Structures are given as structure tokens and as C-alpha cells.
Amino acid sequence: MGAADAAALVAASHDTLVGRAGTAVAHAALRMLEGAYGRHVVVVAGKGSNGADARVAAAFLARRGVRVQLFAAAETPPSLPACDLVIDGAYGTGFRGTYEAPEVEPGTPVLAIDIPSGVDADSGSALGSPVRATRTVTFAAYKPGLLQGDGPDYSGEVEVADIGIAVGTPRTALMEDADIARLLPVRVRQGHKWSAAVGVAAGSPGMEGSAVLCARGALAAGAGMVRLGSPGDPTAAWPTEAVRLHLPATGWAPVFLGAIAKCRAAVIGPGLGTDDATQKEIRAVIAAADVPLVVDADGLTALGESKAARRVLADRRAPTILTPHDGEYRRLVGAPPGGDRIAAARDLAGQLGVIVLVKGALTAVAAPDDLDPDVLLSAAGVPALATAGTGDVLAGVIGAFLARGVPAHAAAALAAHVHGRAAARGPREGLVAGDLPAHLSDVLSGARPDG
């Protein structure tokens, strides 16, 4: 955004851009106030561009009849006076350090300009007591700090305002609902079950549920057939639609590879087991499978730390997607991903030369290739997803999208987005992983105008 801002100043003056930004903020304020007459707004303005935007907004509102009180950021009292709305223009995206925001009367809405003051625009980290906004008007594009770290807790509802800044080709992009229809191929009349078949290796004894959830996720996301290999109990309640293959305790890698020879993609790892024999078989499949492959859960454990993982992954020619949560990321790297999930995903993808999906409230999917953007984000996750088995469903969805022909980088990010949207359709309390496949089907079915 710094580069985009600098380029924009060649085409338009600073005053022009500030005028556009301040006007956008003022219009957002009027919507929040539901009118101007009799309203009282307190504006906090700093010295930089953020403060200039705030002053333009204050002048605009005053002309509309709003009673405006303007405070310089350095002279703001510890507690702001009672009002109908606070506009935060103290510090913007260039702020570094600690900020102690003035107290606001409980229940008073706060509108932040570009990013809440005190929140780091890159990592989203919040030091001190940043502004806690009801809504944030940001310009041209999302800032990473609005989506990750503490940012979402402080920014409230985010509105992106176009003020004439061209962002070019960003390195990071956010998935939207429109991407479902844009990226997911339409089913063709001449298609058959093998056109989008998915192989799954999952579910050791006692963990059969992982295999069931992964298979159901793949089926709900459009897999034409699921070839399900598992060493789990043969009498378990396996999905009726999946074609079952019982895997022995050892020596099953060649059997599974043969069984998925006609599949378009495969998933390996959910609940498969961490004993030495199983881990050896997993590594053999990862090294030899010539189809796009999702490595999840116990599959990630089999890779070991990053140096060992590179050796296993080195000879793969088909796309590979790793899906670590924070604990699995720590095992691979030696440290957790931390607050900046974009940087964490990008770092591991570069180390291993594969696509890496780092799960979380913000899911970041990084590609090792020279792509623009090289990181795709999903911010669709909801707290209800923090329950056992939802990751197994996600792995199946990624496998299905790969099998349907979505390029691997986009397939992983789109799956995370759809997975989050499906969870949002379920109950806020009591959602279980088994609920997700039905909601997945609903999300995908409603993604195109023709249903």
C-alpha cells in the first residue's frame, strides 16, 4: 500500500486523495448516525494523512449540521465526552509502538480511519490499548492487520472505500463468495464418476470417524467417487457411497497407490496413526503418488521436521498441499506460526517447495512458486469450527476441488472459504463436524445464479 500510495500521488495530489478519503469517512459516519440533525460527533485527529482524513470528515459533517468536537491526538483527554459517534483518525498504517486510546462511554459507536489506531497494519498485533472500532473504513484494499492477529477484534465491520488508488497486482488476496462460481468448474454433461474421483487414506482403529468425515467432505464438495483406504475396523459405519479398501497394518502403500491409480487427487493422513509402521507407509505414498495430494493430520507428523520433510517431498512432481494447524506447524518448523500467519505460510512454503495452508481464524495459503498473488486468504472461519473433525472435512473438500480441476493453490484457499461459509450456516452453539457436509452442499449449490 505504501507503493500504491506513492504511485497515486503521481496521478493525483495529496489534497485530492485526502479529500476523497475524508468524504468516504464522512458518508460512513452519516450512515452510522442515521442522519445529521442533532447529532454530536467527537473526532480525534493526528498529524499525518490519517489525521488529515479525519479533519476533512469533520468539516464535511459540520457542513451537514453535525455538532463536531475535534481533538488533536497528542492533546486528547483520557476520557472523551459523551457523544453519538467517535471518529478515530489518531494514527494510521504507519504507526509503530504503543497507543493508549482515550476511554469512550460504553455503547458509543467508533469509526476508525484505515485501521484502528494502535493496531499494526501488517501483523495485526495490538500493543497497549488500541481503539476498539465498531466499523473501519479502509482505503483501496484490506490491510493484512485488519484480517489477522488482534486486528479483527479491534476493527469491527470493515468497509473498503475506492478513492482512486490503483493497487496493481498484490502479493496477497482475500477469497470472496464470487470466487466459488469463478473458480469451481461447472459439471459437464459427459462427466462420469472417475472425472472427479478422490482417493483417501485415513482412519486407524478407534479413529474411523476421521476417515468418515474426510470422505463425506469430499463427497459433499463434488467428488464423483471416493476410494477410501483405511486400516480401521471393517465393521465401522463407513459412508455408503465410498468404495472401501481395508488396509493392512504394514505394506499397504503399494496397495493404496494401485487403488487410486484412476483418481484425480488424493488425501492422506486424517486419523491414520502415528506408529512407526504407519508413518513409513505414509511417507512412501507421499513420495510415490503421481496425483495432486493433500497431506493432513498424521500425514504431517510422518513428514517430521522441515529438513526431513524436504527429503520426502523432493521427488514429487504433482502438486502437494500441507494443511498444518498451529501444533503441526510447530513440529515442522520448530516454532508456532505466531500472529502473522501470512508470513508464516509464505516461509514454510518457501522452505518445503509445496503449497502450505496454515489453519486459523484467518487461513493463509501460500504457494512456493513465483505467483501473483502468492498468498490467498480465507477470513470466513467462525468460532464454531473449533471442534474435533472439522479439519478432516476440510481435507476432503480440498481433495474434491483438486479432483474437479481447480488449480492447487486456489483449491486450498477456496475450500477454506467454502468450509467457513458452511460452518456459518450451522448453529452458533453445538455445531459438530458431521453437520458440515450438508451445509457445504448448500453453499456450493447456491453459488451460481442457476443454483
Protein backbone atom coordinates (compact mmCIF):
# COMPACT_ATOMS: atom_id res chain seq x y z
CA MET A 1 0.00 0.00 0.00
CA GLY A 2 2.94 2.32 0.57
CA ALA A 3 3.99 1.81 -3.03
CA ALA A 4 0.42 2.21 -4.25
CA ASP A 5 0.02 5.44 -2.28
CA ALA A 6 3.25 6.82 -3.75
CA ALA A 7 2.16 5.92 -7.28
CA ALA A 8 -1.25 7.50 -6.72
CA LEU A 9 0.37 10.80 -5.78
CA VAL A 10 1.83 10.99 -9.29
CA ALA A 11 -1.67 10.98 -10.78
CA ALA A 12 -3.45 12.99 -8.08
CA SER A 13 -2.41 15.49 -5.42
CA HIS A 14 -2.22 14.64 -1.75
CA ASP A 15 -5.07 17.05 -1.08
CA THR A 16 -7.24 15.29 -3.67
CA LEU A 17 -6.68 11.87 -2.10
CA VAL A 18 -7.26 13.22 1.41
CA GLY A 19 -10.45 14.86 0.19
CA ARG A 20 -11.74 11.61 -1.23
CA ALA A 21 -10.77 9.64 1.88
CA GLY A 22 -12.28 12.13 4.30
CA THR A 23 -15.50 12.28 2.29
CA ALA A 24 -15.75 8.47 2.32
CA VAL A 25 -15.34 8.51 6.11
CA ALA A 26 -17.98 11.22 6.50
CA HIS A 27 -20.50 9.26 4.42
CA ALA A 28 -19.85 6.16 6.56
CA ALA A 29 -20.37 8.30 9.68
CA LEU A 30 -23.70 9.59 8.41
CA ARG A 31 -24.86 6.04 7.77
CA MET A 32 -23.89 5.07 11.30
CA LEU A 33 -25.61 8.16 12.72
CA GLU A 34 -28.69 7.59 10.53
CA GLY A 35 -28.76 11.30 9.79
CA ALA A 36 -27.08 14.55 10.80
CA TYR A 37 -29.62 16.71 12.61
CA GLY A 38 -28.97 16.97 16.34
CA ARG A 39 -26.04 14.54 16.24
CA HIS A 40 -22.80 15.05 18.17
CA VAL A 41 -19.52 13.61 16.88
CA VAL A 42 -16.08 13.60 18.53
CA VAL A 43 -13.13 13.41 16.14
CA VAL A 44 -9.54 12.53 17.16
CA ALA A 45 -7.02 13.62 14.51
CA GLY A 46 -3.29 13.00 14.35
CA LYS A 47 -0.59 14.87 12.43
CA GLY A 48 -0.29 12.59 9.38
CA SER A 49 -2.54 11.67 6.46
CA ASN A 50 -4.84 9.77 8.79
CA GLY A 51 -5.43 12.95 10.77
CA ALA A 52 -5.91 14.94 7.58
CA ASP A 53 -8.63 12.48 6.52
CA ALA A 54 -10.27 12.96 9.91
CA ARG A 55 -10.27 16.75 9.58
CA VAL A 56 -11.87 16.58 6.14
CA ALA A 57 -14.55 14.27 7.55
CA ALA A 58 -15.12 16.63 10.49
CA ALA A 59 -15.58 19.63 8.19
CA PHE A 60 -17.96 17.68 5.94
CA LEU A 61 -20.10 16.61 8.90
CA ALA A 62 -20.15 20.13 10.31
CA ARG A 63 -21.47 21.44 6.98
CA ARG A 64 -24.24 18.86 7.25
CA GLY A 65 -25.27 20.23 10.63
CA VAL A 66 -23.49 17.75 12.92
CA ARG A 67 -22.02 19.23 16.09
CA VAL A 68 -18.34 18.29 15.88
CA GLN A 69 -15.67 18.37 18.59
CA LEU A 70 -12.15 17.98 17.22
CA PHE A 71 -9.21 16.85 19.38
CA ALA A 72 -5.57 16.68 18.33
CA ALA A 73 -4.25 13.17 19.03
CA ALA A 74 -1.45 14.48 21.25
CA GLU A 75 -3.90 16.55 23.31
CA THR A 76 -6.78 14.11 23.67
CA PRO A 77 -8.18 13.83 27.21
CA PRO A 78 -8.08 10.42 28.92
CA SER A 79 -11.86 10.15 28.50
CA LEU A 80 -13.80 11.51 25.56
CA PRO A 81 -17.01 13.47 26.16
CA ALA A 82 -20.39 11.83 25.66
CA CYS A 83 -21.42 11.84 22.00
CA ASP A 84 -23.24 9.89 19.31
CA LEU A 85 -20.12 8.76 17.43
CA VAL A 86 -16.32 8.84 17.80
CA ILE A 87 -14.14 9.06 14.69
CA ASP A 88 -10.61 7.73 15.21
CA GLY A 89 -8.03 9.40 13.00
CA ALA A 90 -5.18 9.47 15.50
CA TYR A 91 -2.71 7.12 13.79
CA GLY A 92 -2.83 5.11 10.58
CA THR A 93 -0.98 2.31 8.84
CA GLY A 94 2.47 3.76 9.53
CA PHE A 95 2.09 3.70 13.32
CA ARG A 96 4.62 1.70 15.31
CA GLY A 97 4.77 1.45 19.07
CA THR A 98 2.19 1.51 21.85
CA TYR A 99 -1.00 3.54 21.87
CA GLU A 100 -3.30 4.16 24.80
CA ALA A 101 -6.67 5.09 23.33
CA PRO A 102 -8.90 7.51 25.26
CA GLU A 103 -11.87 5.96 27.00
CA VAL A 104 -15.21 6.09 25.23
CA GLU A 105 -18.56 5.96 27.01
CA PRO A 106 -20.00 2.43 26.88
CA GLY A 107 -22.33 1.91 23.94
CA THR A 108 -20.86 4.73 21.84
CA PRO A 109 -20.00 3.56 18.29
CA VAL A 110 -16.48 4.20 17.00
CA LEU A 111 -15.50 4.66 13.36
CA ALA A 112 -11.79 4.07 12.62
CA ILE A 113 -10.00 5.53 9.59
CA ASP A 114 -7.98 2.98 7.57
CA ILE A 115 -7.05 0.89 10.64
CA PRO A 116 -7.80 1.35 14.37
CA SER A 117 -5.09 3.46 15.99
CA GLY A 118 -2.58 1.23 17.78
CA VAL A 119 -3.07 -1.86 15.58
CA ASP A 120 -0.09 -2.87 13.44
CA ALA A 121 -1.20 -2.75 9.80
CA ASP A 122 0.93 -5.76 8.79
CA SER A 123 0.67 -8.26 11.64
CA GLY A 124 -2.48 -7.05 13.37
CA SER A 125 -0.68 -7.03 16.72
CA ALA A 126 -2.13 -4.64 19.28
CA LEU A 127 0.20 -3.15 21.88
CA GLY A 128 -1.15 -1.04 24.71
CA SER A 129 -4.87 -0.19 24.48
CA PRO A 130 -5.73 0.41 20.81
CA VAL A 131 -9.00 1.88 19.59
CA ARG A 132 -11.78 -0.72 19.52
CA ALA A 133 -13.85 0.26 16.49
CA THR A 134 -17.41 -0.59 15.58
CA ARG A 135 -16.55 -0.05 11.93
CA THR A 136 -13.38 0.70 9.98
CA VAL A 137 -13.27 2.48 6.63
CA THR A 138 -10.08 1.42 4.87
CA PHE A 139 -8.89 2.66 1.51
CA ALA A 140 -8.24 0.82 -1.76
CA ALA A 141 -7.67 -2.62 -0.21
CA TYR A 142 -7.66 -4.53 3.05
CA LYS A 143 -4.55 -4.17 5.16
CA PRO A 144 -3.27 -7.52 6.49
CA GLY A 145 -3.59 -6.26 10.04
CA LEU A 146 -7.36 -5.93 9.61
CA LEU A 147 -7.59 -9.67 8.97
CA GLN A 148 -5.07 -11.31 11.26
CA GLY A 149 -3.69 -11.13 14.76
CA ASP A 150 -5.72 -8.86 17.04
CA GLY A 151 -6.93 -6.78 14.11
CA PRO A 152 -10.37 -8.36 13.61
CA ASP A 153 -11.18 -7.90 17.31
CA TYR A 154 -10.46 -4.17 17.08
CA SER A 155 -11.63 -3.23 13.58
CA GLY A 156 -15.29 -4.27 13.71
CA GLU A 157 -17.07 -4.28 10.36
CA VAL A 158 -14.64 -3.31 7.59
CA GLU A 159 -15.66 -1.23 4.59
CA VAL A 160 -13.24 -0.79 1.68
CA ALA A 161 -13.55 2.63 0.01
CA ASP A 162 -12.27 3.28 -3.51
CA ILE A 163 -10.51 6.66 -3.52
CA GLY A 164 -8.66 6.24 -6.81
CA ILE A 165 -5.57 4.34 -5.63
CA ALA A 166 -4.62 1.55 -8.03
CA VAL A 167 -3.21 -1.41 -6.10
CA GLY A 168 -1.75 -3.19 -9.13
CA THR A 169 -1.16 -6.91 -8.58
CA PRO A 170 -0.96 -7.54 -4.84
CA ARG A 171 1.05 -10.37 -3.32
CA THR A 172 -1.89 -11.33 -1.09
CA ALA A 173 -5.57 -11.68 -1.97
CA LEU A 174 -8.73 -12.42 0.01
CA MET A 175 -11.22 -15.05 -1.15
CA GLU A 176 -14.81 -13.87 -1.67
CA ASP A 177 -18.11 -15.63 -2.34
CA ALA A 178 -17.90 -14.71 -6.03
CA ASP A 179 -14.75 -16.84 -6.29
CA ILE A 180 -16.81 -20.02 -5.83
CA ALA A 181 -18.53 -19.67 -9.20
CA ARG A 182 -15.41 -18.15 -10.77
CA LEU A 183 -13.03 -20.94 -9.78
CA LEU A 184 -15.12 -24.10 -9.50
CA PRO A 185 -15.70 -25.70 -12.91
CA VAL A 186 -19.29 -26.35 -13.98
CA ARG A 187 -20.13 -30.03 -14.18
CA VAL A 188 -20.14 -31.22 -17.78
CA ARG A 189 -22.83 -33.46 -19.30
CA GLN A 190 -20.33 -36.13 -20.37
CA GLY A 191 -18.72 -36.37 -16.92
CA HIS A 192 -18.60 -39.66 -15.01
CA LYS A 193 -17.61 -40.80 -11.53
CA TRP A 194 -13.91 -41.06 -12.36
CA SER A 195 -13.88 -37.49 -13.72
CA ALA A 196 -13.54 -36.19 -10.16
CA ALA A 197 -12.55 -39.25 -8.15
CA VAL A 198 -10.66 -38.80 -4.87
CA GLY A 199 -8.53 -41.33 -3.01
CA VAL A 200 -8.46 -41.10 0.78
CA ALA A 201 -6.14 -42.89 3.20
CA ALA A 202 -7.41 -42.27 6.73
CA GLY A 203 -8.88 -43.72 9.92
CA SER A 204 -6.91 -46.13 12.10
CA PRO A 205 -8.72 -48.38 14.63
CA GLY A 206 -10.59 -46.08 17.00
CA MET A 207 -10.20 -43.13 14.61
CA GLU A 208 -12.57 -44.29 11.90
CA GLY A 209 -14.52 -41.06 12.31
CA SER A 210 -11.70 -39.08 10.72
CA ALA A 211 -11.96 -41.17 7.58
CA VAL A 212 -15.74 -40.89 7.52
CA LEU A 213 -15.66 -37.10 7.88
CA CYS A 214 -12.96 -36.68 5.24
CA ALA A 215 -14.85 -38.88 2.78
CA ARG A 216 -18.15 -37.09 3.45
CA GLY A 217 -16.46 -33.72 2.97
CA ALA A 218 -15.11 -34.82 -0.39
CA LEU A 219 -18.47 -36.21 -1.50
CA ALA A 220 -20.34 -33.06 -0.48
CA ALA A 221 -17.80 -30.93 -2.38
CA GLY A 222 -18.42 -32.80 -5.61
CA ALA A 223 -16.12 -35.82 -5.68
CA GLY A 224 -17.51 -38.24 -8.25
CA MET A 225 -16.27 -41.16 -6.19
CA VAL A 226 -14.23 -41.63 -3.02
CA ARG A 227 -11.84 -44.59 -2.87
CA LEU A 228 -11.43 -44.92 0.89
CA GLY A 229 -8.46 -46.89 2.18
CA SER A 230 -8.36 -47.44 5.92
CA PRO A 231 -6.83 -49.82 8.46
CA GLY A 232 -9.82 -49.11 10.71
CA ASP A 233 -12.47 -51.56 11.87
CA PRO A 234 -14.07 -53.11 8.76
CA THR A 235 -17.44 -53.18 10.54
CA ALA A 236 -17.47 -49.43 11.31
CA ALA A 237 -20.26 -47.22 9.91
CA TRP A 238 -18.44 -46.25 6.73
CA PRO A 239 -20.14 -43.89 4.27
CA THR A 240 -22.37 -45.95 2.00
CA GLU A 241 -21.22 -44.01 -1.06
CA ALA A 242 -17.48 -44.55 -0.50
CA VAL A 243 -15.73 -47.52 -2.09
CA ARG A 244 -13.90 -49.16 0.83
CA LEU A 245 -10.45 -50.72 0.80
CA HIS A 246 -9.21 -52.28 4.03
CA LEU A 247 -5.53 -51.53 4.52
CA PRO A 248 -3.33 -53.97 6.45
CA ALA A 249 -1.11 -52.82 9.30
CA THR A 250 2.02 -52.85 7.14
CA GLY A 251 2.93 -52.91 3.49
CA TRP A 252 -0.19 -51.09 2.34
CA ALA A 253 1.41 -48.22 0.42
CA PRO A 254 1.59 -50.12 -2.93
CA VAL A 255 -1.97 -51.37 -2.43
CA PHE A 256 -3.32 -47.87 -1.87
CA LEU A 257 -1.31 -46.41 -4.75
CA GLY A 258 -2.76 -49.04 -7.06
CA ALA A 259 -6.28 -48.38 -5.81
CA ILE A 260 -6.07 -44.64 -6.58
CA ALA A 261 -4.44 -45.01 -10.00
CA LYS A 262 -7.56 -43.63 -11.72
CA CYS A 263 -8.25 -40.93 -9.14
CA ARG A 264 -7.70 -37.25 -9.92
CA ALA A 265 -6.48 -36.35 -6.41
CA ALA A 266 -5.81 -37.93 -3.02
CA VAL A 267 -5.85 -37.11 0.69
CA ILE A 268 -3.65 -38.85 3.22
CA GLY A 269 -3.39 -38.62 6.98
CA PRO A 270 -6.61 -37.91 8.93
CA GLY A 271 -6.62 -40.27 11.92
CA LEU A 272 -4.34 -42.69 10.11
CA GLY A 273 -1.98 -43.33 13.02
CA THR A 274 1.44 -42.31 14.27
CA ASP A 275 3.10 -45.68 14.89
CA ASP A 276 6.37 -46.22 13.06
CA ALA A 277 4.98 -48.72 10.54
CA THR A 278 2.11 -46.45 9.53
CA GLN A 279 4.35 -43.41 9.30
CA LYS A 280 6.68 -45.30 6.97
CA GLU A 281 3.77 -46.24 4.69
CA ILE A 282 2.55 -42.62 4.64
CA ARG A 283 5.96 -41.38 3.55
CA ALA A 284 6.05 -43.99 0.80
CA VAL A 285 2.70 -42.83 -0.55
CA ILE A 286 3.66 -39.16 -0.40
CA ALA A 287 6.87 -39.81 -2.30
CA ALA A 288 5.30 -42.01 -4.99
CA ALA A 289 1.76 -40.69 -5.60
CA ASP A 290 1.58 -39.04 -9.02
CA VAL A 291 -1.69 -37.18 -8.38
CA PRO A 292 -2.30 -33.89 -6.55
CA LEU A 293 -2.06 -34.75 -2.87
CA VAL A 294 -3.39 -33.24 0.37
CA VAL A 295 -1.23 -34.14 3.37
CA ASP A 296 -3.15 -33.62 6.61
CA ALA A 297 -3.02 -34.53 10.30
CA ASP A 298 -0.98 -37.74 10.83
CA GLY A 299 0.40 -37.30 7.33
CA LEU A 300 2.11 -34.13 8.54
CA THR A 301 3.51 -35.96 11.56
CA ALA A 302 5.03 -38.53 9.20
CA LEU A 303 6.95 -35.78 7.41
CA GLY A 304 8.83 -34.88 10.60
CA GLU A 305 10.64 -31.56 10.92
CA SER A 306 11.26 -29.39 7.87
CA LYS A 307 14.63 -30.86 6.84
CA ALA A 308 13.25 -34.41 6.85
CA ALA A 309 10.06 -33.22 5.15
CA ARG A 310 12.06 -31.71 2.29
CA ARG A 311 13.65 -35.08 1.62
CA VAL A 312 10.28 -36.82 1.42
CA LEU A 313 8.74 -34.12 -0.76
CA ALA A 314 11.74 -33.54 -3.01
CA ASP A 315 10.79 -36.00 -5.76
CA ARG A 316 7.11 -35.10 -6.01
CA ARG A 317 6.03 -33.74 -9.36
CA ALA A 318 2.29 -33.37 -8.81
CA PRO A 319 1.01 -30.51 -6.63
CA THR A 320 1.21 -31.04 -2.86
CA ILE A 321 -0.80 -29.23 -0.19
CA LEU A 322 0.11 -29.34 3.50
CA THR A 323 -2.59 -28.28 5.99
CA PRO A 324 -0.98 -27.66 9.40
CA HIS A 325 -2.72 -26.25 12.44
CA ASP A 326 -0.52 -24.39 14.92
CA GLY A 327 0.77 -27.52 16.69
CA GLU A 328 1.63 -29.26 13.42
CA TYR A 329 3.32 -26.12 12.14
CA ARG A 330 5.43 -26.05 15.30
CA ARG A 331 6.52 -29.65 14.72
CA LEU A 332 7.53 -28.87 11.15
CA VAL A 333 9.31 -25.59 11.83
CA GLY A 334 10.24 -25.71 15.50
CA ALA A 335 8.17 -22.64 16.39
CA PRO A 336 4.47 -21.74 16.14
CA PRO A 337 3.25 -19.56 13.27
CA GLY A 338 2.65 -16.58 15.54
CA GLY A 339 0.35 -13.68 14.79
CA ASP A 340 1.49 -13.04 11.22
CA ARG A 341 0.01 -16.07 9.51
CA ILE A 342 0.69 -14.67 6.06
CA ALA A 343 4.43 -14.58 6.74
CA ALA A 344 4.29 -17.99 8.43
CA ALA A 345 2.61 -19.67 5.45
CA ARG A 346 4.93 -17.96 2.99
CA ASP A 347 8.01 -19.03 4.98
CA LEU A 348 7.08 -22.71 5.20
CA ALA A 349 6.00 -22.90 1.56
CA GLY A 350 9.39 -21.49 0.59
CA GLN A 351 11.24 -23.94 2.80
CA LEU A 352 9.45 -27.05 1.52
CA GLY A 353 8.63 -26.08 -2.06
CA VAL A 354 4.94 -27.04 -1.68
CA ILE A 355 1.64 -25.27 -1.04
CA VAL A 356 1.04 -24.63 2.65
CA LEU A 357 -2.36 -23.91 4.23
CA VAL A 358 -1.98 -22.58 7.77
CA LYS A 359 -5.29 -23.06 9.54
CA GLY A 360 -6.78 -20.49 11.86
CA ALA A 361 -9.36 -17.75 12.23
CA LEU A 362 -7.53 -16.34 9.21
CA THR A 363 -6.40 -19.19 6.99
CA ALA A 364 -3.38 -18.35 4.83
CA VAL A 365 -2.49 -20.44 1.78
CA ALA A 366 0.98 -19.81 0.34
CA ALA A 367 2.47 -21.10 -2.89
CA PRO A 368 6.23 -21.53 -3.34
CA ASP A 369 6.06 -20.52 -6.99
CA ASP A 370 6.51 -17.05 -8.44
CA LEU A 371 2.79 -16.32 -8.42
CA ASP A 372 0.94 -13.03 -8.02
CA PRO A 373 -0.63 -13.26 -5.55
CA ASP A 374 1.44 -15.93 -3.83
CA VAL A 375 -0.77 -15.96 -0.69
CA LEU A 376 -4.54 -16.43 -0.73
CA LEU A 377 -6.55 -15.80 2.41
CA SER A 378 -9.82 -17.05 3.82
CA ALA A 379 -11.38 -14.98 6.58
CA ALA A 380 -14.65 -16.94 6.50
CA GLY A 381 -13.85 -19.11 9.53
CA VAL A 382 -16.13 -18.88 12.56
CA PRO A 383 -15.53 -19.90 16.20
CA ALA A 384 -17.87 -22.87 15.82
CA LEU A 385 -15.20 -24.57 13.66
CA ALA A 386 -13.04 -25.05 16.75
CA THR A 387 -14.31 -28.58 17.28
CA ALA A 388 -12.90 -32.02 16.52
CA GLY A 389 -13.18 -33.32 12.98
CA THR A 390 -13.73 -30.10 11.07
CA GLY A 391 -10.17 -30.27 9.72
CA ASP A 392 -10.88 -33.76 8.37
CA VAL A 393 -13.85 -32.37 6.46
CA LEU A 394 -11.69 -29.54 5.09
CA ALA A 395 -9.07 -32.00 3.83
CA GLY A 396 -11.80 -33.85 1.92
CA VAL A 397 -13.12 -30.64 0.40
CA ILE A 398 -9.64 -29.67 -0.82
CA GLY A 399 -9.26 -33.13 -2.37
CA ALA A 400 -12.59 -32.80 -4.17
CA PHE A 401 -11.76 -29.36 -5.57
CA LEU A 402 -8.42 -30.66 -6.81
CA ALA A 403 -10.18 -33.58 -8.47
CA ARG A 404 -12.64 -31.19 -10.11
CA GLY A 405 -9.76 -29.36 -11.75
CA VAL A 406 -9.26 -26.29 -9.58
CA PRO A 407 -5.55 -25.32 -9.56
CA ALA A 408 -3.96 -26.45 -6.31
CA HIS A 409 -3.25 -23.02 -4.77
CA ALA A 410 -6.77 -21.80 -5.44
CA ALA A 411 -8.31 -25.16 -4.49
CA ALA A 412 -6.92 -24.99 -0.97
CA ALA A 413 -8.00 -21.38 -0.38
CA LEU A 414 -11.42 -21.87 -1.96
CA ALA A 415 -12.01 -24.95 0.18
CA ALA A 416 -11.17 -23.00 3.34
CA HIS A 417 -13.58 -20.24 2.29
CA VAL A 418 -16.42 -22.62 1.49
CA HIS A 419 -15.71 -24.57 4.69
CA GLY A 420 -16.08 -21.37 6.71
CA ARG A 421 -19.25 -20.33 4.90
CA ALA A 422 -20.72 -23.78 5.55
CA ALA A 423 -19.98 -23.50 9.27
CA ALA A 424 -21.62 -20.07 9.38
CA ARG A 425 -24.87 -21.68 8.17
CA GLY A 426 -24.91 -24.01 11.15
CA PRO A 427 -25.80 -23.29 14.77
CA ARG A 428 -23.58 -20.91 16.72
CA GLU A 429 -23.54 -23.40 19.57
CA GLY A 430 -23.30 -27.15 19.19
CA LEU A 431 -22.03 -27.36 15.62
CA VAL A 432 -20.27 -30.69 15.06
CA ALA A 433 -18.09 -31.71 12.14
CA GLY A 434 -20.74 -34.10 10.86
CA ASP A 435 -23.07 -31.13 10.27
CA LEU A 436 -20.74 -29.54 7.74
CA PRO A 437 -21.23 -31.72 4.62
CA ALA A 438 -24.91 -30.80 4.27
CA HIS A 439 -24.10 -27.12 4.68
CA LEU A 440 -21.26 -27.46 2.17
CA SER A 441 -23.69 -28.74 -0.43
CA ASP A 442 -25.99 -25.80 0.23
CA VAL A 443 -23.20 -23.24 -0.12
CA LEU A 444 -21.98 -24.73 -3.40
CA SER A 445 -25.48 -25.18 -4.79
CA GLY A 446 -26.30 -21.54 -4.18
CA ALA A 447 -23.05 -20.18 -5.59
CA ARG A 448 -24.28 -19.76 -9.17
CA PRO A 449 -27.36 -17.87 -10.41
CA ASP A 450 -28.77 -21.10 -11.86
CA GLY A 451 -28.44 -22.75 -8.43
